[in-house]
N, C-alpha and C. Protein backbone atom coordinates (compact mmCIF):
# COMPACT_ATOMS: atom_id res chain seq x y z
N MET A 1 67.75 93.78 93.07
CA MET A 1 68.01 92.63 92.94
C MET A 1 66.83 91.53 92.15
N GLU A 2 67.18 90.33 91.60
CA GLU A 2 66.19 89.71 90.82
C GLU A 2 66.53 88.59 91.74
N LEU A 3 65.37 87.85 92.14
CA LEU A 3 65.33 86.50 92.75
C LEU A 3 65.08 85.55 91.41
N ARG A 4 65.36 84.35 91.37
CA ARG A 4 65.05 83.30 90.19
C ARG A 4 64.35 82.61 90.74
N LYS A 5 64.60 82.13 92.09
CA LYS A 5 63.96 80.73 92.59
C LYS A 5 64.39 80.62 93.84
N ASP A 6 63.41 79.86 94.64
CA ASP A 6 63.35 79.53 95.82
C ASP A 6 63.17 78.29 96.53
N PRO A 7 64.04 77.62 96.53
CA PRO A 7 64.60 76.20 97.22
C PRO A 7 64.48 76.28 98.79
N GLY A 8 64.75 75.10 99.12
CA GLY A 8 65.11 75.27 100.58
C GLY A 8 66.33 75.75 101.35
N SER A 9 67.33 75.52 100.53
CA SER A 9 68.15 75.34 100.90
C SER A 9 69.47 76.80 100.97
N GLY A 10 68.36 77.60 101.07
CA GLY A 10 69.10 78.92 100.94
C GLY A 10 69.48 79.29 99.88
N SER A 11 69.64 81.16 99.41
CA SER A 11 70.13 81.40 98.39
C SER A 11 71.53 82.21 98.20
N VAL A 12 71.67 82.38 97.34
CA VAL A 12 73.42 83.03 96.78
C VAL A 12 73.19 84.11 96.49
N GLY A 13 74.02 85.15 97.01
CA GLY A 13 73.82 86.68 96.15
C GLY A 13 75.09 86.86 95.39
N PHE A 14 75.20 87.10 94.61
CA PHE A 14 76.06 87.37 93.44
C PHE A 14 76.30 89.13 93.47
N VAL A 15 77.69 89.59 93.91
CA VAL A 15 77.70 90.83 93.75
C VAL A 15 78.53 91.64 93.11
N THR A 16 78.08 92.04 91.71
CA THR A 16 78.57 92.61 90.84
C THR A 16 78.10 93.42 89.89
N GLU A 17 78.60 93.81 89.10
CA GLU A 17 77.94 95.13 88.21
C GLU A 17 76.86 94.37 87.25
N GLN A 18 75.57 94.90 86.53
CA GLN A 18 75.02 93.93 86.18
C GLN A 18 75.15 93.79 84.62
N THR A 19 75.85 93.00 83.93
CA THR A 19 76.08 93.34 82.36
C THR A 19 75.85 92.16 81.98
N PRO A 20 75.76 91.88 80.39
CA PRO A 20 75.33 90.84 79.77
C PRO A 20 76.21 89.36 79.92
N GLN A 21 77.48 89.68 80.58
CA GLN A 21 78.08 88.42 81.04
C GLN A 21 77.69 87.89 82.47
N SER A 22 77.31 89.05 83.27
CA SER A 22 77.16 88.74 84.71
C SER A 22 75.73 87.78 84.60
N SER A 23 74.44 87.78 83.53
CA SER A 23 73.54 88.08 83.27
C SER A 23 73.66 86.67 82.89
N LEU A 24 74.32 86.15 82.03
CA LEU A 24 74.76 84.58 81.94
C LEU A 24 75.41 84.01 82.54
N PHE A 25 76.20 84.11 83.18
CA PHE A 25 76.51 83.58 84.48
C PHE A 25 75.90 83.23 85.45
N LEU A 26 74.74 84.00 85.87
CA LEU A 26 73.92 84.06 86.68
C LEU A 26 72.71 83.16 86.42
N ASP A 27 72.50 82.97 84.91
CA ASP A 27 71.90 82.01 84.11
C ASP A 27 72.29 80.75 84.46
N TYR A 28 73.52 80.55 84.19
CA TYR A 28 74.02 79.13 84.02
C TYR A 28 74.28 78.66 85.45
N ILE A 29 74.43 79.14 86.80
CA ILE A 29 74.44 78.65 88.30
C ILE A 29 72.84 78.47 88.28
N ASN A 30 72.35 78.97 87.99
CA ASN A 30 70.63 79.16 88.09
C ASN A 30 69.93 77.63 87.77
N ASP A 31 70.72 77.71 86.76
CA ASP A 31 69.90 75.89 86.00
C ASP A 31 71.07 74.77 86.70
N HIS A 32 72.05 75.20 87.30
CA HIS A 32 73.15 73.95 87.52
C HIS A 32 73.32 73.75 89.46
N VAL A 33 72.74 74.69 89.81
CA VAL A 33 72.79 74.69 91.35
C VAL A 33 71.30 75.00 91.66
N ASP A 34 71.14 73.72 92.96
CA ASP A 34 69.69 73.96 93.84
C ASP A 34 69.60 74.61 94.51
N CYS A 35 69.90 76.08 94.54
CA CYS A 35 69.47 77.41 94.97
C CYS A 35 69.21 78.66 94.07
N SER A 36 68.45 79.15 95.08
CA SER A 36 68.04 80.85 94.44
C SER A 36 69.31 81.56 94.21
N ILE A 37 69.18 82.41 93.31
CA ILE A 37 70.23 83.35 92.92
C ILE A 37 69.97 84.43 93.00
N ILE A 38 70.65 85.27 93.75
CA ILE A 38 69.99 87.30 94.05
C ILE A 38 71.40 88.01 92.94
N LEU A 39 71.26 88.60 92.41
CA LEU A 39 72.25 89.37 91.67
C LEU A 39 71.93 90.66 92.48
N LEU A 40 72.93 91.13 92.93
CA LEU A 40 73.33 92.04 93.73
C LEU A 40 74.43 93.35 93.47
N SER A 41 73.76 94.59 93.25
CA SER A 41 74.56 95.41 92.91
C SER A 41 75.89 95.95 93.84
N PRO A 42 77.15 96.08 93.56
CA PRO A 42 77.81 96.83 94.67
C PRO A 42 77.19 98.26 95.47
N GLU A 43 76.46 98.45 94.71
CA GLU A 43 75.69 100.16 95.86
C GLU A 43 74.58 99.51 96.75
N ASP A 44 74.28 98.00 96.42
CA ASP A 44 73.26 97.34 97.49
C ASP A 44 73.60 97.49 98.75
N ARG A 45 72.49 97.49 99.98
CA ARG A 45 73.22 97.57 101.60
C ARG A 45 73.62 95.98 101.46
N PRO A 46 74.46 95.45 102.41
CA PRO A 46 74.49 94.22 102.75
C PRO A 46 73.29 93.99 104.32
N ALA A 47 73.24 94.92 104.82
CA ALA A 47 71.80 94.88 105.91
C ALA A 47 70.77 94.42 105.20
N ALA A 48 70.12 95.08 103.86
CA ALA A 48 68.96 94.61 103.00
C ALA A 48 69.31 93.08 102.73
N VAL A 49 70.02 92.37 102.38
CA VAL A 49 70.03 90.91 102.22
C VAL A 49 68.91 90.31 103.01
N ASP A 50 68.20 89.32 102.21
CA ASP A 50 67.16 88.45 102.86
C ASP A 50 68.10 87.52 103.61
N GLU A 51 67.05 87.05 105.17
CA GLU A 51 68.02 85.71 106.05
C GLU A 51 68.31 85.09 105.40
N GLU A 52 67.41 84.63 104.43
CA GLU A 52 67.51 83.25 103.54
C GLU A 52 69.10 83.26 102.86
N THR A 53 69.68 84.14 102.54
CA THR A 53 70.74 84.13 101.80
C THR A 53 72.03 83.32 102.68
N ARG A 54 72.41 82.71 102.17
CA ARG A 54 73.71 81.61 103.03
C ARG A 54 74.90 82.22 102.28
N VAL A 55 74.85 82.05 101.17
CA VAL A 55 76.44 82.11 100.66
C VAL A 55 76.61 83.94 99.65
N ILE A 56 77.66 84.85 99.94
CA ILE A 56 77.78 85.70 99.38
C ILE A 56 78.96 86.14 98.31
N LEU A 57 78.95 85.52 97.01
CA LEU A 57 79.44 85.16 96.12
C LEU A 57 79.94 86.80 95.45
N MET A 58 81.57 87.42 95.44
CA MET A 58 81.78 88.88 95.55
C MET A 58 82.64 88.65 94.17
N ASP A 59 82.48 89.35 93.02
CA ASP A 59 83.07 89.40 92.25
C ASP A 59 84.35 90.57 92.50
N ILE A 60 85.58 90.00 92.35
CA ILE A 60 85.97 90.77 92.63
C ILE A 60 87.16 92.06 92.18
N ASP A 61 86.51 92.14 91.06
CA ASP A 61 86.55 92.65 89.63
C ASP A 61 85.88 93.85 89.85
N HIS A 62 84.97 93.66 90.82
CA HIS A 62 83.64 95.13 90.76
C HIS A 62 83.75 95.57 92.12
N VAL A 63 84.09 94.76 93.29
CA VAL A 63 84.10 95.32 94.99
C VAL A 63 85.34 95.81 94.98
N ASP A 64 85.37 96.73 96.00
CA ASP A 64 86.27 97.13 96.59
C ASP A 64 86.47 96.99 97.71
N ASP A 65 87.63 97.50 98.95
CA ASP A 65 88.17 96.77 100.13
C ASP A 65 86.79 97.19 101.15
N ALA A 66 86.42 98.53 101.13
CA ALA A 66 85.84 98.82 101.70
C ALA A 66 84.30 98.15 101.69
N LEU A 67 83.91 97.84 100.31
CA LEU A 67 82.37 96.79 100.32
C LEU A 67 82.79 95.64 100.75
N MET A 68 83.80 94.78 100.70
CA MET A 68 84.34 93.56 101.29
C MET A 68 83.81 93.55 102.80
N GLN A 69 84.72 95.32 103.37
CA GLN A 69 84.61 94.44 105.18
C GLN A 69 83.00 94.92 105.28
N ALA A 70 82.53 96.02 104.47
CA ALA A 70 81.03 95.56 104.71
C ALA A 70 80.02 94.73 105.09
N TRP A 71 80.21 93.60 103.86
CA TRP A 71 80.08 92.38 103.80
C TRP A 71 80.00 91.41 105.18
N GLN A 72 81.53 91.68 105.11
CA GLN A 72 82.09 90.75 106.12
C GLN A 72 81.14 91.11 107.72
N GLU A 73 81.62 92.22 107.96
CA GLU A 73 80.62 92.78 109.37
C GLU A 73 79.19 92.42 109.13
N GLU A 74 78.50 92.02 107.94
CA GLU A 74 77.10 91.28 108.17
C GLU A 74 77.38 90.29 108.12
N ALA A 75 78.15 89.52 107.53
CA ALA A 75 77.91 88.29 108.33
C ALA A 75 78.65 88.43 109.44
N GLY A 76 79.34 89.13 110.22
CA GLY A 76 79.26 88.68 111.93
C GLY A 76 78.19 89.23 112.33
N THR A 77 77.21 89.84 112.32
CA THR A 77 75.93 90.14 112.75
C THR A 77 75.02 88.99 112.48
N ARG A 78 75.56 88.21 111.94
CA ARG A 78 74.50 87.19 112.00
C ARG A 78 74.83 85.71 112.18
N ASP A 79 75.91 85.84 113.02
CA ASP A 79 76.46 84.64 113.67
C ASP A 79 77.34 83.89 112.81
N HIS A 80 77.87 84.46 111.68
CA HIS A 80 78.56 83.86 110.65
C HIS A 80 77.31 82.90 109.83
N ARG A 81 76.35 82.62 109.89
CA ARG A 81 75.53 82.30 109.15
C ARG A 81 75.50 82.57 107.92
N LEU A 82 76.24 83.67 107.43
CA LEU A 82 76.07 84.06 105.88
C LEU A 82 77.40 84.03 105.64
N CYS A 83 78.09 83.24 104.90
CA CYS A 83 79.61 83.21 104.11
C CYS A 83 79.54 83.90 103.21
N ILE A 84 81.28 84.27 102.77
CA ILE A 84 81.67 84.76 101.87
C ILE A 84 82.49 84.18 101.13
N ALA A 85 82.38 84.52 99.76
CA ALA A 85 83.39 83.99 99.06
C ALA A 85 83.85 84.74 97.81
N ALA A 86 84.76 84.74 97.30
CA ALA A 86 85.49 85.56 96.19
C ALA A 86 85.62 84.97 95.08
N LEU A 87 85.20 85.65 93.95
CA LEU A 87 85.25 85.30 92.19
C LEU A 87 86.26 85.98 91.94
N ASN A 88 86.82 85.13 90.69
CA ASN A 88 87.39 85.94 89.71
C ASN A 88 88.97 86.59 90.16
N LEU A 89 89.59 85.46 91.48
CA LEU A 89 90.78 85.88 91.74
C LEU A 89 91.96 85.64 90.70
N LYS A 90 93.02 86.30 90.44
CA LYS A 90 94.29 86.13 89.49
C LYS A 90 94.82 84.43 90.35
N ASP A 91 95.27 84.23 91.40
CA ASP A 91 95.85 83.26 91.52
C ASP A 91 96.18 82.85 93.05
N GLY A 92 96.62 82.06 93.28
CA GLY A 92 96.62 82.18 94.72
C GLY A 92 97.53 82.87 95.86
N GLU A 93 98.19 83.41 95.07
CA GLU A 93 99.14 84.90 95.75
C GLU A 93 97.67 85.73 96.08
N HIS A 94 97.28 85.71 95.02
CA HIS A 94 96.23 86.91 94.82
C HIS A 94 95.01 86.38 96.42
N ALA A 95 94.84 85.38 96.21
CA ALA A 95 93.98 84.76 96.84
C ALA A 95 94.50 84.61 98.74
N ALA A 96 95.59 84.37 98.59
CA ALA A 96 96.22 84.77 100.34
C ALA A 96 96.25 85.99 100.43
N GLU A 97 96.69 87.05 99.75
CA GLU A 97 96.52 88.05 100.40
C GLU A 97 95.37 88.47 100.85
N LEU A 98 93.95 88.51 99.81
CA LEU A 98 92.79 88.61 100.30
C LEU A 98 92.88 88.14 101.60
N LEU A 99 92.94 86.78 101.84
CA LEU A 99 92.71 85.72 103.11
C LEU A 99 93.31 86.63 104.55
N SER A 100 94.45 87.67 103.93
CA SER A 100 94.90 88.18 105.31
C SER A 100 94.30 88.81 106.12
N TYR A 101 92.97 89.59 105.32
CA TYR A 101 91.98 90.37 105.86
C TYR A 101 90.53 90.13 106.05
N MET A 102 90.60 89.21 105.07
CA MET A 102 88.81 89.12 104.50
C MET A 102 88.88 87.18 105.45
N HIS A 103 87.66 87.00 105.98
CA HIS A 103 87.07 85.58 106.33
C HIS A 103 86.70 84.98 105.28
N LEU A 104 87.27 84.55 104.08
CA LEU A 104 86.67 83.70 103.01
C LEU A 104 86.40 82.32 103.10
N SER A 105 85.26 81.89 103.22
CA SER A 105 84.85 80.68 103.18
C SER A 105 85.13 79.72 101.63
N GLY A 106 85.32 80.73 100.70
CA GLY A 106 85.20 79.95 99.06
C GLY A 106 85.99 80.79 98.12
N VAL A 107 86.91 80.26 97.39
CA VAL A 107 87.77 81.01 96.59
C VAL A 107 87.69 80.54 95.23
N PHE A 108 87.57 81.39 94.14
CA PHE A 108 87.24 80.77 92.81
C PHE A 108 88.20 81.96 92.18
N TYR A 109 88.83 81.38 91.50
CA TYR A 109 90.21 81.60 90.19
C TYR A 109 88.95 82.21 88.43
N ARG A 110 89.99 82.98 88.40
CA ARG A 110 89.63 83.34 86.78
C ARG A 110 89.59 81.98 85.82
N THR A 111 90.27 81.32 86.31
CA THR A 111 90.91 80.00 85.54
C THR A 111 89.78 78.81 85.83
N ASP A 112 88.89 79.25 86.73
CA ASP A 112 88.22 78.15 87.07
C ASP A 112 86.89 77.86 85.90
N SER A 113 86.32 76.63 85.64
CA SER A 113 85.39 76.19 85.05
C SER A 113 83.92 76.46 85.27
N LEU A 114 82.86 76.66 84.58
CA LEU A 114 81.55 76.74 85.23
C LEU A 114 81.42 76.24 86.14
N ASP A 115 81.44 74.47 85.44
CA ASP A 115 81.12 73.20 86.28
C ASP A 115 81.90 73.30 87.26
N LEU A 116 83.06 73.71 87.46
CA LEU A 116 83.52 73.73 89.41
C LEU A 116 83.37 74.81 89.84
N ILE A 117 82.67 76.24 89.26
CA ILE A 117 82.12 76.87 90.52
C ILE A 117 80.87 76.50 90.97
N CYS A 118 80.03 75.95 89.62
CA CYS A 118 78.79 75.30 90.49
C CYS A 118 79.17 73.74 91.90
N LYS A 119 79.94 73.96 91.56
CA LYS A 119 80.18 72.26 92.96
C LYS A 119 80.68 73.21 93.95
N GLY A 120 81.66 74.61 93.85
CA GLY A 120 82.18 74.99 94.72
C GLY A 120 80.96 75.36 95.48
N ILE A 121 79.98 76.14 94.72
CA ILE A 121 78.84 76.87 95.46
C ILE A 121 78.18 75.79 96.16
N GLY A 122 77.63 74.77 95.42
CA GLY A 122 77.05 73.64 96.54
C GLY A 122 77.70 73.06 97.59
N ARG A 123 78.84 73.14 97.49
CA ARG A 123 79.56 72.85 98.91
C ARG A 123 79.76 73.66 100.00
N LEU A 124 79.67 75.00 99.57
CA LEU A 124 79.41 76.08 100.83
C LEU A 124 78.04 75.99 100.77
N LEU A 125 76.99 75.74 100.43
CA LEU A 125 75.50 75.75 100.78
C LEU A 125 75.63 74.57 101.73
N GLU A 126 76.20 73.83 101.46
CA GLU A 126 75.90 72.29 102.21
C GLU A 126 77.01 73.04 103.78
N GLY A 127 77.72 74.04 103.95
CA GLY A 127 78.42 74.18 105.11
C GLY A 127 80.17 74.20 105.29
N HIS A 128 80.40 73.79 103.96
CA HIS A 128 82.11 73.35 103.57
C HIS A 128 82.33 74.46 103.14
N LEU A 129 84.08 74.44 103.35
CA LEU A 129 84.97 75.26 102.87
C LEU A 129 85.26 74.78 100.97
N TRP A 130 85.84 75.94 100.68
CA TRP A 130 85.98 75.91 99.17
C TRP A 130 87.16 76.41 98.95
N MET A 131 88.47 75.54 99.01
CA MET A 131 89.97 76.43 98.25
C MET A 131 90.86 75.17 98.04
N SER A 132 91.76 75.22 97.35
CA SER A 132 92.79 74.32 97.33
C SER A 132 93.38 73.65 98.35
N ARG A 133 93.96 72.73 98.15
CA ARG A 133 95.06 72.49 99.12
C ARG A 133 96.24 73.26 99.45
N SER A 134 96.90 73.84 98.27
CA SER A 134 97.98 74.93 98.52
C SER A 134 97.46 75.72 98.95
N LEU A 135 96.51 76.46 98.72
CA LEU A 135 96.14 77.60 99.64
C LEU A 135 95.78 77.23 100.79
N MET A 136 95.21 76.16 101.11
CA MET A 136 95.33 75.78 102.62
C MET A 136 96.65 75.43 103.26
N SER A 137 97.12 74.83 103.02
CA SER A 137 98.55 74.65 103.60
C SER A 137 99.58 76.23 103.63
N HIS A 138 99.32 77.13 102.44
CA HIS A 138 99.93 78.36 102.89
C HIS A 138 98.95 78.66 103.98
N LEU A 139 98.30 78.69 104.01
CA LEU A 139 97.55 79.68 105.48
C LEU A 139 97.63 79.14 106.87
N ILE A 140 97.68 77.80 106.74
CA ILE A 140 97.92 77.07 108.12
C ILE A 140 99.25 77.52 108.50
N GLU A 141 100.49 77.53 107.46
CA GLU A 141 101.79 77.70 107.58
C GLU A 141 101.61 79.81 108.37
N PHE A 142 100.81 80.41 107.78
CA PHE A 142 100.81 81.50 108.15
C PHE A 142 100.24 81.92 108.76
N PHE A 143 99.17 80.92 109.67
CA PHE A 143 98.47 81.39 110.89
C PHE A 143 99.84 80.50 111.89
N ARG A 144 100.37 79.57 112.18
CA ARG A 144 101.44 79.41 112.82
C ARG A 144 102.76 80.28 113.28
N ARG A 145 102.86 80.93 112.00
CA ARG A 145 103.60 81.92 112.31
C ARG A 145 103.24 83.31 112.93
N GLN A 146 102.01 83.49 112.61
CA GLN A 146 101.28 84.89 113.18
C GLN A 146 100.88 84.26 114.63
N SER A 147 100.94 83.21 114.38
CA SER A 147 100.33 82.88 116.43
C SER A 147 101.87 82.78 117.07
N LEU A 148 102.93 82.45 116.58
CA LEU A 148 104.14 83.15 117.43
C LEU A 148 104.14 84.52 117.60
N ASN A 149 103.76 85.18 117.00
CA ASN A 149 103.92 86.77 117.30
C ASN A 149 102.69 87.41 117.75
N SER A 150 101.52 86.73 118.57
CA SER A 150 100.18 87.03 118.54
C SER A 150 100.71 88.07 119.84
N TYR A 151 101.71 87.73 120.54
CA TYR A 151 101.67 88.73 121.90
C TYR A 151 103.01 89.63 122.19
N ARG A 152 103.20 89.83 121.06
CA ARG A 152 104.50 90.97 120.33
C ARG A 152 103.78 92.37 120.69
N PRO A 153 103.98 93.60 121.09
CA PRO A 153 103.88 94.62 121.45
C PRO A 153 103.57 95.34 119.84
N ALA A 154 102.84 95.93 119.68
CA ALA A 154 102.96 96.81 118.21
C ALA A 154 102.56 98.19 118.03
N CYS A 155 103.47 98.97 118.17
CA CYS A 155 103.02 100.83 117.76
C CYS A 155 102.21 100.87 119.42
N GLY A 156 102.63 100.38 120.15
CA GLY A 156 102.11 100.71 121.54
C GLY A 156 100.86 100.34 122.29
N LEU A 157 100.53 99.25 121.46
CA LEU A 157 99.11 98.54 121.32
C LEU A 157 99.26 97.98 122.64
N THR A 158 98.05 97.73 123.53
CA THR A 158 98.37 96.66 124.68
C THR A 158 97.54 95.10 124.15
N GLN A 159 98.12 94.33 124.73
CA GLN A 159 97.66 93.17 124.20
C GLN A 159 95.63 92.92 124.15
N ARG A 160 95.16 93.79 125.03
CA ARG A 160 93.78 93.99 124.77
C ARG A 160 93.20 94.50 123.54
N GLU A 161 93.89 95.99 123.34
CA GLU A 161 93.98 96.38 122.16
C GLU A 161 93.76 95.69 121.08
N LEU A 162 95.04 94.54 120.84
CA LEU A 162 95.44 93.81 119.94
C LEU A 162 94.79 92.76 119.96
N GLU A 163 93.92 92.22 120.71
CA GLU A 163 92.74 91.63 120.41
C GLU A 163 91.50 92.19 119.94
N ILE A 164 91.40 93.30 120.28
CA ILE A 164 90.11 93.96 119.63
C ILE A 164 90.06 94.25 118.27
N ILE A 165 91.54 94.81 118.05
CA ILE A 165 91.68 95.14 116.70
C ILE A 165 91.70 93.74 115.49
N GLY A 166 92.03 92.82 115.99
CA GLY A 166 91.87 91.25 115.70
C GLY A 166 90.59 90.84 115.41
N LEU A 167 89.67 91.23 116.45
CA LEU A 167 88.01 91.13 116.33
C LEU A 167 87.54 91.81 115.33
N LEU A 168 88.34 92.91 115.24
CA LEU A 168 87.46 93.62 114.33
C LEU A 168 87.51 93.31 112.64
N GLY A 169 88.36 92.92 112.38
CA GLY A 169 88.67 91.79 111.06
C GLY A 169 87.85 91.36 111.25
N ALA A 170 87.24 90.29 111.96
CA ALA A 170 86.18 89.43 111.63
C ALA A 170 85.06 90.16 111.89
N GLY A 171 84.89 91.36 111.37
CA GLY A 171 83.42 91.87 111.15
C GLY A 171 82.72 91.78 112.54
N VAL A 172 82.71 91.45 113.82
CA VAL A 172 81.81 91.40 114.56
C VAL A 172 81.61 93.13 115.50
N SER A 173 80.69 92.62 115.87
CA SER A 173 80.06 94.32 116.13
C SER A 173 80.60 94.62 117.78
N ASN A 174 80.43 95.70 118.66
CA ASN A 174 80.71 95.80 119.21
C ASN A 174 80.18 95.12 120.54
N MET A 175 79.38 94.69 120.33
CA MET A 175 78.54 93.97 121.26
C MET A 175 78.87 92.58 121.44
N GLN A 176 79.32 92.29 120.57
CA GLN A 176 79.76 90.73 120.49
C GLN A 176 81.27 90.68 120.61
N ILE A 177 81.99 91.77 120.42
CA ILE A 177 83.38 92.17 120.81
C ILE A 177 83.30 91.88 122.34
N ALA A 178 82.45 92.54 123.06
CA ALA A 178 81.82 92.61 124.58
C ALA A 178 81.99 91.48 124.99
N ASP A 179 80.87 90.77 124.37
CA ASP A 179 80.47 89.22 125.23
C ASP A 179 81.59 88.27 124.85
N ARG A 180 82.71 88.84 124.06
CA ARG A 180 83.65 87.48 123.65
C ARG A 180 84.79 87.79 124.75
N LEU A 181 85.33 89.16 125.16
CA LEU A 181 85.99 89.45 126.26
C LEU A 181 85.51 89.81 127.18
N PHE A 182 84.44 89.54 127.60
CA PHE A 182 83.48 89.96 128.78
C PHE A 182 83.62 91.03 129.68
N VAL A 183 83.69 91.70 128.86
CA VAL A 183 83.63 93.42 129.18
C VAL A 183 82.57 94.20 128.54
N SER A 184 82.25 95.46 129.15
CA SER A 184 80.88 95.96 128.80
C SER A 184 81.14 96.36 127.51
N GLU A 185 80.32 96.96 126.89
CA GLU A 185 80.45 97.63 125.46
C GLU A 185 80.86 98.94 125.68
N HIS A 186 80.72 99.61 126.51
CA HIS A 186 81.13 101.16 126.76
C HIS A 186 82.77 100.61 127.01
N THR A 187 82.87 99.61 127.53
CA THR A 187 84.76 99.30 127.70
C THR A 187 85.19 99.60 126.18
N VAL A 188 84.68 98.86 125.48
CA VAL A 188 84.92 98.51 123.93
C VAL A 188 84.88 99.45 123.31
N LYS A 189 83.90 100.36 123.33
CA LYS A 189 84.23 102.02 122.78
C LYS A 189 85.31 102.60 123.12
N SER A 190 85.38 102.44 124.29
CA SER A 190 86.82 103.12 124.66
C SER A 190 88.39 102.74 124.38
N HIS A 191 88.39 101.44 124.20
CA HIS A 191 89.33 100.70 123.50
C HIS A 191 89.53 101.20 122.37
N LEU A 192 88.36 101.08 121.27
CA LEU A 192 88.46 101.66 120.36
C LEU A 192 89.05 102.91 120.05
N TYR A 193 88.52 103.96 120.91
CA TYR A 193 88.98 105.07 120.59
C TYR A 193 90.17 105.61 121.03
N ASN A 194 91.13 104.59 122.00
CA ASN A 194 92.22 104.72 122.27
C ASN A 194 93.19 104.01 120.81
N ILE A 195 92.95 102.77 120.43
CA ILE A 195 93.41 102.32 119.52
C ILE A 195 92.98 103.07 118.10
N PHE A 196 92.09 103.69 117.47
CA PHE A 196 92.06 104.24 117.01
C PHE A 196 93.03 105.96 116.96
N LYS A 197 93.36 106.41 117.82
CA LYS A 197 94.14 107.22 118.36
C LYS A 197 95.60 106.87 118.38
N LYS A 198 95.84 105.40 118.75
CA LYS A 198 97.11 105.49 118.95
C LYS A 198 97.80 104.91 117.42
N ILE A 199 97.06 104.39 116.41
CA ILE A 199 97.16 103.88 114.99
C ILE A 199 96.84 105.12 114.12
N ASP A 200 96.15 105.87 114.52
CA ASP A 200 95.91 107.62 113.52
C ASP A 200 94.67 106.98 112.32
N VAL A 201 93.88 106.38 112.83
CA VAL A 201 93.02 106.33 111.94
C VAL A 201 91.24 106.79 112.41
N HIS A 202 90.41 106.86 111.77
CA HIS A 202 89.44 107.32 112.00
C HIS A 202 88.19 106.41 111.97
N ASN A 203 88.32 104.98 111.61
CA ASN A 203 86.87 104.63 111.67
C ASN A 203 87.39 102.55 111.33
N ARG A 204 86.38 102.18 111.61
CA ARG A 204 86.83 100.61 111.65
C ARG A 204 87.10 99.81 110.47
N THR A 205 86.83 100.58 109.07
CA THR A 205 87.77 99.47 108.02
C THR A 205 89.14 100.38 107.76
N GLN A 206 89.60 101.39 108.27
CA GLN A 206 90.97 102.03 108.54
C GLN A 206 91.49 101.39 109.51
N ALA A 207 90.97 101.28 110.52
CA ALA A 207 92.14 100.13 111.84
C ALA A 207 92.20 98.97 111.05
N VAL A 208 90.75 98.02 110.55
CA VAL A 208 91.49 96.76 109.86
C VAL A 208 92.46 96.56 108.79
N ASN A 209 92.49 97.79 108.15
CA ASN A 209 93.00 97.78 106.86
C ASN A 209 94.78 98.18 107.67
N TRP A 210 94.76 99.20 108.54
CA TRP A 210 96.10 99.03 109.35
C TRP A 210 96.68 97.99 109.77
N ALA A 211 95.89 96.84 110.74
CA ALA A 211 96.09 95.44 111.19
C ALA A 211 96.92 94.69 109.79
N ARG A 212 96.12 94.74 108.95
CA ARG A 212 96.40 94.22 107.45
C ARG A 212 97.79 94.52 107.25
N HIS A 213 98.16 95.56 107.19
CA HIS A 213 99.14 95.81 106.56
C HIS A 213 100.56 96.04 107.84
N ASN A 214 100.34 95.82 109.04
CA ASN A 214 101.17 96.35 110.28
C ASN A 214 101.28 94.91 111.11
N LEU A 215 100.52 94.58 110.81
CA LEU A 215 100.31 92.93 112.22
C LEU A 215 100.00 91.80 111.38
N GLY A 216 99.61 92.14 109.97
CA GLY A 216 99.14 90.35 109.28
C GLY A 216 98.40 89.35 110.09
N ALA A 217 97.26 89.96 110.93
CA ALA A 217 96.39 88.91 111.64
C ALA A 217 96.44 87.88 111.09
N PRO A 218 96.26 86.98 111.83
CA PRO A 218 95.86 85.36 110.74
C PRO A 218 94.62 85.21 110.24
N PRO A 219 93.88 84.70 109.39
CA PRO A 219 92.64 84.65 108.80
C PRO A 219 92.40 83.58 109.67
N PRO A 220 90.88 84.10 110.09
CA PRO A 220 90.21 83.03 110.80
C PRO A 220 89.55 81.85 110.22
N LEU A 221 90.19 80.90 109.49
CA LEU A 221 89.46 79.88 108.79
C LEU A 221 88.70 79.04 109.84
N PHE A 222 88.73 79.07 110.49
CA PHE A 222 87.85 78.20 111.52
C PHE A 222 86.32 78.14 111.55
N HIS A 223 86.21 79.95 111.91
CA HIS A 223 84.96 80.41 112.05
C HIS A 223 83.75 79.68 111.26
N PHE A 224 83.94 79.38 110.41
CA PHE A 224 83.13 78.87 109.14
C PHE A 224 82.71 77.12 109.76
N GLN A 225 83.53 76.53 109.89
CA GLN A 225 83.92 75.12 109.89
C GLN A 225 82.76 74.76 111.58
N GLN A 226 83.29 76.08 112.61
CA GLN A 226 82.43 76.04 114.08
C GLN A 226 80.76 76.25 113.94
N ARG A 227 80.70 77.14 112.85
CA ARG A 227 79.43 77.46 112.66
C ARG A 227 78.33 76.61 112.39
N ARG A 228 78.90 75.52 111.18
CA ARG A 228 78.14 74.79 110.68
C ARG A 228 78.06 73.46 111.06
N GLY A 229 79.42 73.20 112.09
CA GLY A 229 79.62 71.89 112.87
C GLY A 229 80.00 71.14 111.80
N THR A 230 80.66 71.35 110.57
CA THR A 230 81.01 70.56 109.42
C THR A 230 82.44 70.46 109.62
N LYS A 231 83.16 69.33 108.54
CA LYS A 231 84.60 69.63 108.16
C LYS A 231 84.58 70.24 107.24
N GLY A 232 86.08 70.80 107.25
CA GLY A 232 86.51 71.68 105.90
C GLY A 232 86.19 71.14 104.37
N TRP A 233 85.89 71.59 103.44
CA TRP A 233 85.97 71.12 102.00
C TRP A 233 86.94 70.95 101.01
N ASN A 234 87.91 71.01 100.53
CA ASN A 234 89.04 70.75 100.09
C ASN A 234 88.64 70.56 98.41
N ARG A 235 89.07 71.50 97.65
CA ARG A 235 88.62 71.37 96.20
C ARG A 235 89.32 70.62 95.27
N ASP A 236 90.33 69.94 95.75
CA ASP A 236 91.56 69.34 95.06
C ASP A 236 91.19 67.90 95.91
N THR A 237 89.75 67.59 96.55
CA THR A 237 89.74 66.30 97.18
C THR A 237 88.80 65.61 96.04
N PRO A 238 88.47 64.38 95.90
CA PRO A 238 87.58 63.49 95.18
C PRO A 238 86.53 63.97 95.73
N GLY A 239 85.40 63.59 94.98
CA GLY A 239 84.03 63.61 95.45
C GLY A 239 83.05 64.38 94.79
């Protein structure tokens, strides 16, 4: 890890391979955004990241689904005080696919200018969302469609099991699931055992991926707004 500076607004972790290009990108952000910039290798453990880190910017070219899930789970353990954003997405379709199983607060495309990325990072640090109007509209419609189907049985899963597998996708811990559903942690573990058996998976990441392909659980865009007590920010909005 390389700590660049230490302002009070929190820091940004940039998850990517260390290359000349990533170093130049890091230097540019450091010069144009009032925050400390931390370069994180894909091999770094999410739990080891400093509590002052407020935004994790993941370079999609250098992270896989398992690593993204690990970061999401870490954000869940911090009561969503840590937000996740993705860099180098190909287009809106790519972003929508990623948002079907990741709780991203920010989306940056390969065609975005450095100035636009700096502006987006600044807004994320202030507690806003950062994504296009068209993507937001797509996700709202997706959420509405999935809400209509939220009580439909799938693969023999009960409604409670569907609730739990949806919470897994939010990256929450067993204890947090228990608190949310007003049950014991032992009960949650029993439900997870039954879920894994029914859908033939062996761990949480596999279960989340199964839900992504078979249930299409709606992306909970509203966690970030509730966590910060602010309104969402749209990158197409003047300001």
